[in-house]
Protein backbone atom coordinates (compact mmCIF):
# COMPACT_ATOMS: atom_id res chain seq x y z
CA MET A 1 60.86 116.95 120.78
CA SER A 2 64.29 116.74 118.70
CA GLU A 3 67.48 119.47 119.26
CA PRO A 4 67.07 122.30 116.10
CA GLY A 5 68.86 120.67 113.27
CA ILE A 6 69.27 117.77 114.01
CA PRO A 7 67.66 114.73 112.23
CA PRO A 8 65.14 112.57 114.73
CA SER A 9 66.96 109.43 113.09
CA TRP A 10 70.37 110.86 114.20
CA GLU A 11 69.27 112.14 117.12
CA ALA A 12 68.68 108.74 117.55
CA LEU A 13 71.20 107.35 116.21
CA LEU A 14 73.65 108.98 118.68
CA ARG A 15 71.64 108.54 121.64
CA GLN A 16 72.53 104.59 120.89
CA LEU A 17 75.79 105.05 120.29
CA LEU A 18 76.60 107.32 122.89
CA GLY A 19 74.33 106.48 125.73
CA PRO A 20 74.50 108.76 128.69
CA GLN A 21 77.33 111.18 126.93
CA ALA A 22 74.61 111.70 123.84
CA ASP A 23 72.68 114.51 125.48
CA GLU A 24 76.44 116.46 126.22
CA VAL A 25 76.14 116.04 122.43
CA ILE A 26 73.59 116.73 120.91
CA ALA A 27 73.60 119.95 123.08
CA GLU A 28 77.33 121.10 122.00
CA ILE A 29 75.96 120.88 118.59
CA SER A 30 72.68 122.96 118.99
CA GLU A 31 74.84 125.69 121.03
CA ARG A 32 77.69 126.23 118.87
CA GLY A 33 76.57 124.31 115.09
CA LEU A 34 78.58 122.79 112.33
CA ILE A 35 80.90 124.63 110.47
CA GLY A 36 81.32 122.84 106.87
CA PRO A 37 84.81 122.21 104.77
CA ASP A 38 83.62 126.09 102.48
CA GLY A 39 82.77 128.03 106.05
CA THR A 40 79.74 128.41 105.99
CA PRO A 41 77.41 126.39 108.91
CA MET A 42 75.84 123.25 108.10
CA ASP A 43 73.65 120.87 109.93
CA LEU A 44 74.25 117.40 111.27
CA ALA A 45 72.02 116.19 107.96
CA GLN A 46 74.54 117.83 105.67
CA LEU A 47 77.67 116.42 107.74
CA ALA A 48 75.65 112.48 107.63
CA SER A 49 75.26 113.31 103.42
CA SER A 50 79.10 114.87 103.29
CA LEU A 51 80.73 111.18 105.05
CA GLY A 52 78.13 109.55 102.84
CA LEU A 53 75.99 108.49 105.96
CA PRO A 54 72.68 107.21 105.30
CA ASP A 55 69.13 109.62 106.51
CA ASP A 56 66.90 106.42 105.90
CA PRO A 57 65.59 106.07 109.79
CA VAL A 58 65.92 101.97 108.93
CA LEU A 59 68.98 101.59 106.91
CA VAL A 60 70.49 103.94 110.27
CA GLN A 61 69.06 101.32 112.47
CA SER A 62 70.20 98.51 110.69
CA MET A 63 73.62 100.34 111.15
CA VAL A 64 73.09 101.27 114.67
CA ALA A 65 72.12 97.36 115.69
CA GLN A 66 75.70 96.50 114.11
CA PHE A 67 77.88 99.25 115.55
CA GLN A 68 76.19 98.36 118.68
CA ALA A 69 77.26 94.65 117.98
CA MET A 70 80.81 95.49 116.86
CA LEU A 71 80.78 97.52 120.13
CA ALA A 72 78.86 96.21 123.50
CA SER A 73 81.00 93.29 123.92
CA GLY A 74 84.68 93.12 124.63
CA THR A 75 87.25 96.03 125.94
CA GLY A 76 90.95 96.19 125.33
CA PRO A 77 92.96 96.65 122.38
CA VAL A 78 91.76 93.69 120.64
CA ASN A 79 87.96 92.57 120.87
CA ALA A 80 88.71 89.19 122.49
CA ASP A 81 84.64 88.55 121.82
CA LEU A 82 84.72 89.44 118.59
CA SER A 83 87.83 87.85 117.66
CA HIS A 84 86.61 84.84 119.18
CA ASP A 85 83.69 84.72 118.22
CA VAL A 86 84.76 85.25 114.61
CA ALA A 87 87.45 82.85 114.37
CA ARG A 88 84.88 79.72 115.86
CA GLN A 89 82.97 80.43 112.69
CA ALA A 90 85.90 80.86 110.04
CA ALA A 91 87.07 78.04 111.88
CA VAL A 92 84.34 75.90 111.57
CA SER A 93 82.95 77.18 107.88
CA GLU A 94 84.21 73.90 105.98
CA GLY A 95 83.35 71.98 108.55
CA ASP A 96 84.67 70.35 111.66
CA PRO A 97 83.59 67.80 112.92
CA THR A 98 84.52 66.34 116.01
CA VAL A 99 87.09 64.29 116.67
CA THR A 100 86.35 60.55 117.27
CA GLU A 101 87.98 58.10 119.41
CA GLY A 102 89.86 56.68 116.32
CA GLU A 103 91.35 59.29 115.68
CA ARG A 104 92.61 60.66 119.77
CA ARG A 105 94.08 56.61 119.64
CA ALA A 106 96.21 57.78 116.46
CA VAL A 107 97.68 60.64 117.67
CA ALA A 108 98.19 59.59 121.27
CA ASP A 109 100.21 56.35 119.85
CA ALA A 110 102.15 58.65 116.54
CA LEU A 111 103.84 61.10 119.74
CA GLY A 112 104.29 57.96 122.26
CA VAL A 113 105.94 56.35 118.90
CA ALA A 114 107.64 59.70 118.26
CA GLU A 115 109.25 60.02 121.42
CA LEU A 116 110.68 57.10 121.74
CA TRP A 117 112.59 57.90 118.24
CA LEU A 118 113.93 61.15 119.35
CA ASP A 119 115.33 59.78 122.71
CA GLN A 120 118.21 59.04 119.95
CA ALA A 121 118.35 61.80 118.26
CA THR A 122 118.82 64.30 121.51
CA ASP A 123 119.78 64.94 124.57
CA LEU A 124 116.75 67.27 125.70
CA PRO A 125 113.99 64.66 127.12
CA ALA A 126 110.59 64.49 126.44
CA ALA A 127 107.85 67.31 127.21
CA GLY A 128 105.77 65.53 129.55
CA GLY A 129 102.09 66.94 129.62
CA PRO A 130 99.01 66.26 127.82
CA VAL A 131 99.00 64.73 124.28
CA ARG A 132 95.87 66.00 122.44
CA ALA A 133 93.87 65.71 119.29
CA LEU A 134 92.34 68.88 118.47
CA SER A 135 89.31 69.37 116.38
CA ARG A 136 89.77 73.11 114.47
CA SER A 137 87.13 74.48 116.43
CA GLU A 138 89.48 73.14 119.76
CA TRP A 139 93.02 74.52 118.55
CA VAL A 140 91.35 78.29 117.89
CA GLU A 141 90.00 77.65 121.85
CA GLN A 142 93.38 76.81 123.19
CA THR A 143 95.69 79.23 120.91
CA MET A 144 93.73 82.52 121.02
CA PRO A 145 95.23 83.81 124.05
CA ARG A 146 98.35 84.42 122.52
CA TRP A 147 97.27 85.33 119.34
CA ARG A 148 96.04 87.77 121.68
CA THR A 149 99.02 88.69 123.41
CA LEU A 150 101.09 88.96 120.24
CA ALA A 151 98.78 91.21 118.76
CA GLU A 152 97.55 93.83 121.43
CA PRO A 153 100.82 96.40 121.40
CA VAL A 154 100.17 96.79 117.43
CA ALA A 155 96.66 96.88 118.15
CA GLY A 156 96.28 99.25 120.89
CA SER A 157 98.31 101.45 118.73
CA VAL A 158 95.93 101.09 115.73
CA ALA A 159 93.21 101.82 117.92
CA SER A 160 94.33 105.12 119.05
CA ALA A 161 95.54 106.36 115.41
CA LEU A 162 91.41 105.39 114.49
CA ALA A 163 90.38 107.72 117.04
CA THR A 164 92.80 110.17 116.45
CA VAL A 165 91.44 110.62 112.26
CA MET A 166 88.09 110.10 113.25
CA THR A 167 87.67 112.77 115.53
CA ASP A 168 90.57 115.39 113.26
CA GLN A 169 89.36 114.84 110.04
CA GLN A 170 85.73 113.94 110.41
CA VAL A 171 85.25 116.79 113.20
CA PRO A 172 85.69 120.35 112.39
CA GLU A 173 87.85 122.40 115.09
CA GLU A 174 85.30 124.19 116.05
CA MET A 175 83.28 120.90 117.20
CA SER A 176 86.92 119.51 118.94
CA ASP A 177 85.17 118.84 122.01
CA LEU A 178 82.51 116.70 120.50
CA GLY A 179 85.69 114.91 119.11
CA GLN A 180 87.21 114.10 122.53
CA THR A 181 83.60 113.01 123.33
CA MET A 182 83.86 110.68 120.67
CA ALA A 183 87.63 109.54 121.21
CA PRO A 184 86.39 106.62 123.79
CA MET A 185 83.74 105.22 120.96
CA MET A 186 86.09 105.06 118.32
CA ARG A 187 89.02 103.29 119.71
CA GLN A 188 86.03 100.83 120.56
CA LEU A 189 85.34 100.73 117.04
CA GLY A 190 89.39 100.48 115.96
CA SER A 191 88.98 97.49 119.18
CA ALA A 192 86.28 95.77 117.21
CA VAL A 193 88.01 96.10 113.42
CA PHE A 194 90.99 94.25 115.13
CA GLY A 195 89.23 91.74 116.63
CA LEU A 196 87.50 90.79 113.68
CA GLN A 197 90.27 90.70 111.57
CA LEU A 198 92.25 88.70 113.85
CA GLY A 199 89.70 86.56 114.35
CA ASN A 200 89.09 85.70 110.44
CA ALA A 201 92.94 85.56 110.46
CA VAL A 202 92.96 82.37 113.62
CA GLY A 203 89.51 80.55 112.32
CA THR A 204 91.24 80.69 108.53
CA LEU A 205 94.99 79.20 110.18
CA SER A 206 92.45 76.89 112.08
CA ARG A 207 92.22 74.96 109.33
CA GLU A 208 95.28 74.70 107.79
CA VAL A 209 97.36 73.97 110.84
CA LEU A 210 98.94 70.60 111.78
CA GLY A 211 99.50 71.27 115.44
CA THR A 212 100.35 74.24 117.75
CA THR A 213 104.15 74.87 116.89
CA ASP A 214 103.72 75.21 113.18
CA ILE A 215 104.42 79.36 113.12
CA GLY A 216 107.94 78.41 115.55
CA ILE A 217 106.08 80.40 118.79
CA PRO A 218 104.46 78.21 121.16
CA LEU A 219 101.02 78.91 120.86
CA ILE A 220 99.78 76.45 124.04
CA ALA A 221 100.80 77.49 127.94
CA GLY A 222 102.60 74.99 129.30
CA PRO A 223 103.80 71.40 127.73
CA GLY A 224 102.67 69.09 125.85
CA ALA A 225 101.86 68.48 122.31
CA ALA A 226 98.95 67.69 119.52
CA LEU A 227 97.62 67.33 116.11
CA LEU A 228 94.47 67.97 114.17
CA PRO A 229 93.68 64.78 112.42
CA ARG A 230 91.61 66.44 109.97
CA ASN A 231 94.48 68.83 109.18
CA VAL A 232 96.53 65.63 108.98
CA ALA A 233 94.36 63.79 106.53
CA GLU A 234 94.38 66.75 103.94
CA PHE A 235 98.22 67.56 103.99
CA ALA A 236 98.47 63.92 103.88
CA GLU A 237 95.76 63.79 100.94
CA GLY A 238 98.40 65.64 98.43
CA LEU A 239 101.25 63.82 99.10
CA ASP A 240 102.57 60.15 97.80
CA VAL A 241 103.29 59.11 101.29
CA PRO A 242 101.74 56.82 103.83
CA LEU A 243 98.98 58.37 105.84
CA ASP A 244 100.54 56.28 108.53
CA GLU A 245 104.07 57.43 107.98
CA VAL A 246 102.48 61.82 107.69
CA ARG A 247 101.13 61.73 110.82
CA LEU A 248 104.16 60.42 112.27
CA PHE A 249 106.69 62.70 110.70
CA LEU A 250 104.59 65.49 111.87
CA ALA A 251 104.62 63.58 115.11
CA LEU A 252 108.14 64.37 115.45
CA ARG A 253 107.95 67.49 114.43
CA GLU A 254 105.65 68.61 117.16
CA ALA A 255 107.13 66.80 119.87
CA ALA A 256 110.40 67.61 118.74
CA HIS A 257 109.35 71.56 119.22
CA ALA A 258 107.72 70.71 122.47
CA ARG A 259 111.44 69.22 123.91
CA LEU A 260 112.69 72.76 123.06
CA PHE A 261 110.59 74.83 124.20
CA THR A 262 110.00 72.97 127.57
CA HIS A 263 113.60 72.35 128.40
CA VAL A 264 115.34 75.73 127.16
CA GLY A 265 113.43 77.41 129.96
CA TRP A 266 114.62 81.28 128.40
CA LEU A 267 114.16 80.80 125.12
CA GLN A 268 110.06 80.60 125.00
CA GLY A 269 110.17 84.45 126.35
CA HIS A 270 113.42 85.35 124.79
CA LEU A 271 110.69 84.69 121.58
CA LEU A 272 107.65 86.51 123.07
CA GLY A 273 110.08 89.03 124.15
CA VAL A 274 110.86 89.80 120.50
CA VAL A 275 108.13 90.14 119.31
CA GLU A 276 106.29 92.59 122.02
CA THR A 277 109.81 94.78 121.43
CA TYR A 278 109.11 94.91 117.38
CA ALA A 279 105.56 95.58 118.07
CA ARG A 280 105.20 98.01 120.48
CA GLY A 281 107.38 100.42 118.62
CA VAL A 282 105.66 100.21 115.09
CA GLU A 283 104.63 103.02 114.20
CA ILE A 284 101.40 104.06 112.62
CA ASP A 285 100.67 105.49 109.17
CA LEU A 286 98.06 107.98 109.56
CA ASP A 287 97.53 109.16 106.16
CA ALA A 288 97.12 105.92 105.36
CA ILE A 289 94.06 105.18 108.19
CA GLU A 290 92.64 108.07 106.79
CA GLU A 291 92.78 107.37 103.22
CA ALA A 292 90.83 104.18 104.56
CA VAL A 293 88.87 106.02 106.68
CA ARG A 294 87.41 108.21 103.78
CA SER A 295 86.70 104.34 102.51
CA ILE A 296 84.15 102.90 104.80
CA ASP A 297 81.17 102.56 104.76
CA PRO A 298 79.93 103.03 108.42
CA SER A 299 76.38 100.88 107.53
CA ASP A 300 78.84 97.93 106.75
CA PRO A 301 80.92 96.74 109.68
CA GLN A 302 82.93 94.02 107.15
CA ASN A 303 83.58 97.18 104.93
CA ILE A 304 85.19 98.51 107.57
CA ALA A 305 87.65 95.75 108.37
CA ASP A 306 88.04 95.55 104.48
CA ALA A 307 89.12 98.99 104.27
CA MET A 308 91.41 98.06 107.30
CA SER A 309 93.15 95.13 105.19
CA GLY A 310 95.59 94.84 102.76
CA GLY A 311 98.59 96.85 104.28
CA VAL A 312 96.31 99.91 104.31
CA PHE A 313 98.40 100.36 107.94
CA SER A 314 101.85 100.66 106.32
CA LEU A 315 103.48 100.04 109.53
CA GLU A 316 106.55 102.33 109.17
CA THR A 317 110.21 100.25 110.63
CA THR A 318 112.38 102.10 112.46
CA PRO A 319 116.28 101.14 112.78
CA ALA A 320 115.36 99.46 116.66
CA GLN A 321 112.34 97.17 114.93
CA GLN A 322 114.77 96.11 112.11
CA ALA A 323 117.15 94.91 114.73
CA ALA A 324 114.59 93.73 116.54
CA LEU A 325 113.24 92.19 113.22
CA LEU A 326 115.94 90.25 112.25
CA ARG A 327 116.78 89.15 116.49
CA LEU A 328 113.57 87.08 115.64
CA GLU A 329 114.11 85.90 112.52
CA THR A 330 117.02 84.80 112.94
CA VAL A 331 116.03 82.57 116.33
CA LEU A 332 113.48 81.41 114.17
CA ALA A 333 115.39 80.06 112.07
CA LEU A 334 117.36 78.08 114.75
CA VAL A 335 114.32 76.89 116.22
CA GLU A 336 112.87 75.33 112.57
CA GLY A 337 116.68 74.42 111.57
CA TRP A 338 117.18 72.04 115.50
CA VAL A 339 113.37 70.97 115.05
CA ASP A 340 113.76 70.18 110.87
CA GLU A 341 117.53 68.41 111.92
CA VAL A 342 116.73 66.02 114.55
CA THR A 343 113.08 65.01 113.40
CA ALA A 344 115.13 64.10 110.03
CA ALA A 345 117.87 62.29 112.67
CA ALA A 346 115.17 60.33 114.10
CA ALA A 347 113.09 59.84 111.16
CA SER A 348 115.37 58.49 108.94
CA THR A 349 115.90 55.03 110.07
CA HIS A 350 111.94 54.31 110.13
CA LEU A 351 110.38 55.91 107.52
CA PRO A 352 111.24 55.56 104.02
CA HIS A 353 109.96 59.40 102.55
CA THR A 354 111.96 61.29 104.68
CA ALA A 355 113.49 63.21 102.45
CA ALA A 356 111.06 64.13 100.68
CA LEU A 357 108.89 65.14 104.03
CA ARG A 358 111.45 67.10 104.89
CA GLU A 359 111.53 69.27 101.68
CA MET A 360 107.96 69.70 101.98
CA MET A 361 107.97 71.06 105.58
CA ARG A 362 110.31 73.44 104.25
CA ARG A 363 109.09 74.82 101.65
CA ARG A 364 105.33 74.88 103.54
CA ARG A 365 107.38 76.84 106.71
CA ALA A 366 109.17 79.89 104.32
CA ALA A 367 106.08 80.00 101.87
CA GLY A 368 103.55 80.63 104.84
CA GLY A 369 100.31 80.99 103.78
CA PRO A 370 96.86 82.87 103.19
CA ALA A 371 96.22 83.91 106.93
CA GLU A 372 100.20 84.26 108.19
CA ASP A 373 100.00 87.37 105.59
CA ILE A 374 97.20 88.35 107.76
CA PHE A 375 98.53 87.88 110.89
CA ALA A 376 101.80 89.50 109.09
CA THR A 377 99.31 92.56 107.79
CA LEU A 378 97.75 92.81 111.33
CA VAL A 379 100.33 92.82 113.68
CA GLY A 380 103.79 94.54 111.03
CA LEU A 381 105.80 90.90 111.33
CA GLU A 382 106.50 87.16 109.29
CA LEU A 383 106.57 84.63 111.58
CA ARG A 384 108.64 82.73 109.22
CA PRO A 385 112.06 81.62 109.03
CA ARG A 386 113.74 83.10 106.13
CA ARG A 387 117.23 81.47 107.06
CA SER A 388 115.92 78.26 108.01
CA ARG A 389 118.56 75.48 105.71
CA ASP A 390 121.51 77.91 106.93
CA ALA A 391 120.01 77.45 110.72
CA ALA A 392 119.48 73.44 109.79
CA ARG A 393 123.29 73.06 108.16
CA LEU A 394 125.06 74.53 111.29
CA TRP A 395 123.48 72.29 113.66
CA ALA A 396 124.43 69.32 111.50
CA THR A 397 128.14 71.09 111.41
CA LEU A 398 127.83 70.82 115.32
CA THR A 399 126.53 67.44 115.33
CA GLU A 400 129.62 66.47 113.42
CA ASP A 401 132.33 68.15 115.32
CA GLY A 402 131.14 67.67 118.65
CA GLY A 403 128.40 65.45 119.00
CA ILE A 404 124.60 65.84 120.20
CA ALA A 405 125.62 66.93 123.72
CA ALA A 406 127.89 69.61 122.01
CA ARG A 407 124.69 70.68 119.66
CA GLU A 408 122.00 70.95 122.98
CA ALA A 409 124.55 73.03 125.03
CA VAL A 410 124.32 75.71 122.12
CA TRP A 411 120.72 76.74 124.24
CA ASP A 412 121.95 76.64 127.79
CA HIS A 413 122.25 80.21 127.65
CA PRO A 414 121.02 83.07 124.59
CA ASP A 415 124.53 84.75 124.87
CA LEU A 416 125.46 81.31 123.17
CA LEU A 417 122.79 81.65 120.36
CA PRO A 418 124.82 81.64 116.74
CA THR A 419 124.13 85.29 115.02
CA PRO A 420 123.76 85.90 111.45
CA GLU A 421 127.30 85.87 110.90
CA ASP A 422 127.43 82.05 112.26
CA LEU A 423 124.37 81.41 109.71
CA ASP A 424 126.58 82.49 106.78
CA ASP A 425 129.29 80.65 107.71
CA PRO A 426 127.99 77.53 110.28
CA ALA A 427 132.12 75.95 110.33
CA GLY A 428 133.57 79.05 111.68
CA TYR A 429 130.87 79.20 114.90
CA ARG A 430 132.93 76.79 117.11
CA GLY A 431 136.60 79.16 117.13
CA ARG A 432 134.58 82.41 116.49
CA ARG A 433 132.89 81.12 120.33
CA GLU A 434 136.30 79.67 121.51
CA ALA A 435 137.91 82.80 120.75
CA ALA A 436 134.93 84.63 122.16
CA ALA A 437 134.90 81.98 125.09
CA VAL A 438 139.21 83.35 125.82
CA ASP A 439 138.57 86.99 126.01
CA SER A 440 135.84 86.40 128.24
CA ALA A 441 138.16 84.78 130.54
CA ASP A 442 141.22 87.20 130.03
CA LEU A 443 138.28 90.66 130.53
CA ASP A 444 137.78 88.52 133.90
CA ARG A 445 140.70 87.69 135.18
CA ALA A 446 141.84 91.36 135.04
CA LEU A 447 138.49 92.30 136.64
CA ALA A 448 139.47 89.63 139.36
CA GLU A 449 142.97 92.17 139.78
CA ILE A 450 141.50 95.53 139.75
CA PHE A 451 139.27 94.38 142.19
CA GLY A 452 141.79 92.05 143.99
CA GLU A 453 143.56 94.73 144.62
CA GLY A 454 142.84 95.89 147.96
CA THR A 455 141.76 92.51 149.28
CA THR A 456 145.17 90.73 148.41
CA ASP A 457 147.59 90.45 151.43
CA GLY A 458 150.88 91.27 150.42
CA PRO A 459 154.49 92.65 151.77
CA ASP A 460 154.50 94.47 155.38
CA ASP A 461 153.66 98.20 154.38
CA PRO A 462 156.14 99.78 156.98
CA ASP A 463 154.34 102.89 157.23
CA ASP A 464 151.25 101.46 158.96
CA PRO A 465 151.67 101.16 162.16
CA GLU A 466 149.62 98.11 162.61
CA GLU A 467 151.87 96.86 160.64
CA SER A 468 154.97 97.39 162.47
CA ARG A 469 154.00 95.86 166.20
CA PRO A 470 155.70 93.38 167.49
């Protein structure tokens, strides 16, 4: 027997969605009732109608099934199971044949040759680790853990904001206890929505990426290098360059990234730390989410994801975020500029189309693609090296002035990294670093004198009885 004022279909919905908490919610509704926006009593059917929710039992059951599928799997800020499944589906949507043995040999040979050529262009040794030829699905499997790590700080904020909006705005004040009861479910819904969006972005990216370092941040833990043979072949189709030459050039870029992230021990953690600093400080625009909630069709989970896309979160950037973003863009540009310069140096005497391929990759990295735009919407930042050309000029200048060793020495410590000012004036970088080194040495000497006064031997003190003893 259903409670008064609660249609049987909606009692079933509450019981299936809320599980053990359903009795408490139903009792709350029965005891207090609901008060509409005009101050008059309204039952759950009226509330459902005002929110655009269906009353048809068949539609309700369909909605319940879809909601349960979204909420049942995965925990945390990003629904891991849902993001994984959606990414895999997107990866294979245009076909994803298994990598052939011939493709594996071609990738291994290209990366092997790339290492030999890079030995002449940089002092950083080969990264070691496995050499992989990945299908799109395999790329998803290998990189999804890193994508979730990048997305979780913002996803947590979004899930909490969605819970706040749904409970504060959709439940009357008199039913605040009900709102609190439903808040965990709303957080799960936010987690599922974010997982759906992230999975779609990563799956779409799997059809575009050429290796594991395309975005300038290593997506696979540990050393190693990989290429996606099918994507490399499709990329080469649009160029007037032989596939073998394209593969070798891309292998050089992948291997150069691997050397840098493997042997500059602090770099990977530094980059990920800046991303996390930025993401954790993101402020969510609750008004934008509330507006999105009004357009949601609860019977269609995909509609929920669509409503939450396209910049609907309007992530507000604080001064601290702007500073973190500037640091991130600078480091990404320095990484991309170094790889660009080293790859060109290694390829120039071997590959006749080096200049054309170099320019193509510069434009590709600067422009990004649709999937990167989705990721920027989700996480609130673009992983694009906006000043990679300036960075490449700086690395070239350092090489001309001091050789390869002087260039690689810049990676010895994060304090040595060039700044945006250095990207504006590459020729003046060395002078500024030398001046800073002199200032630092002067400060060290001054501190040594200050803290060394009490321990430095000096003239006998006549007032010291120990000094006056024979």
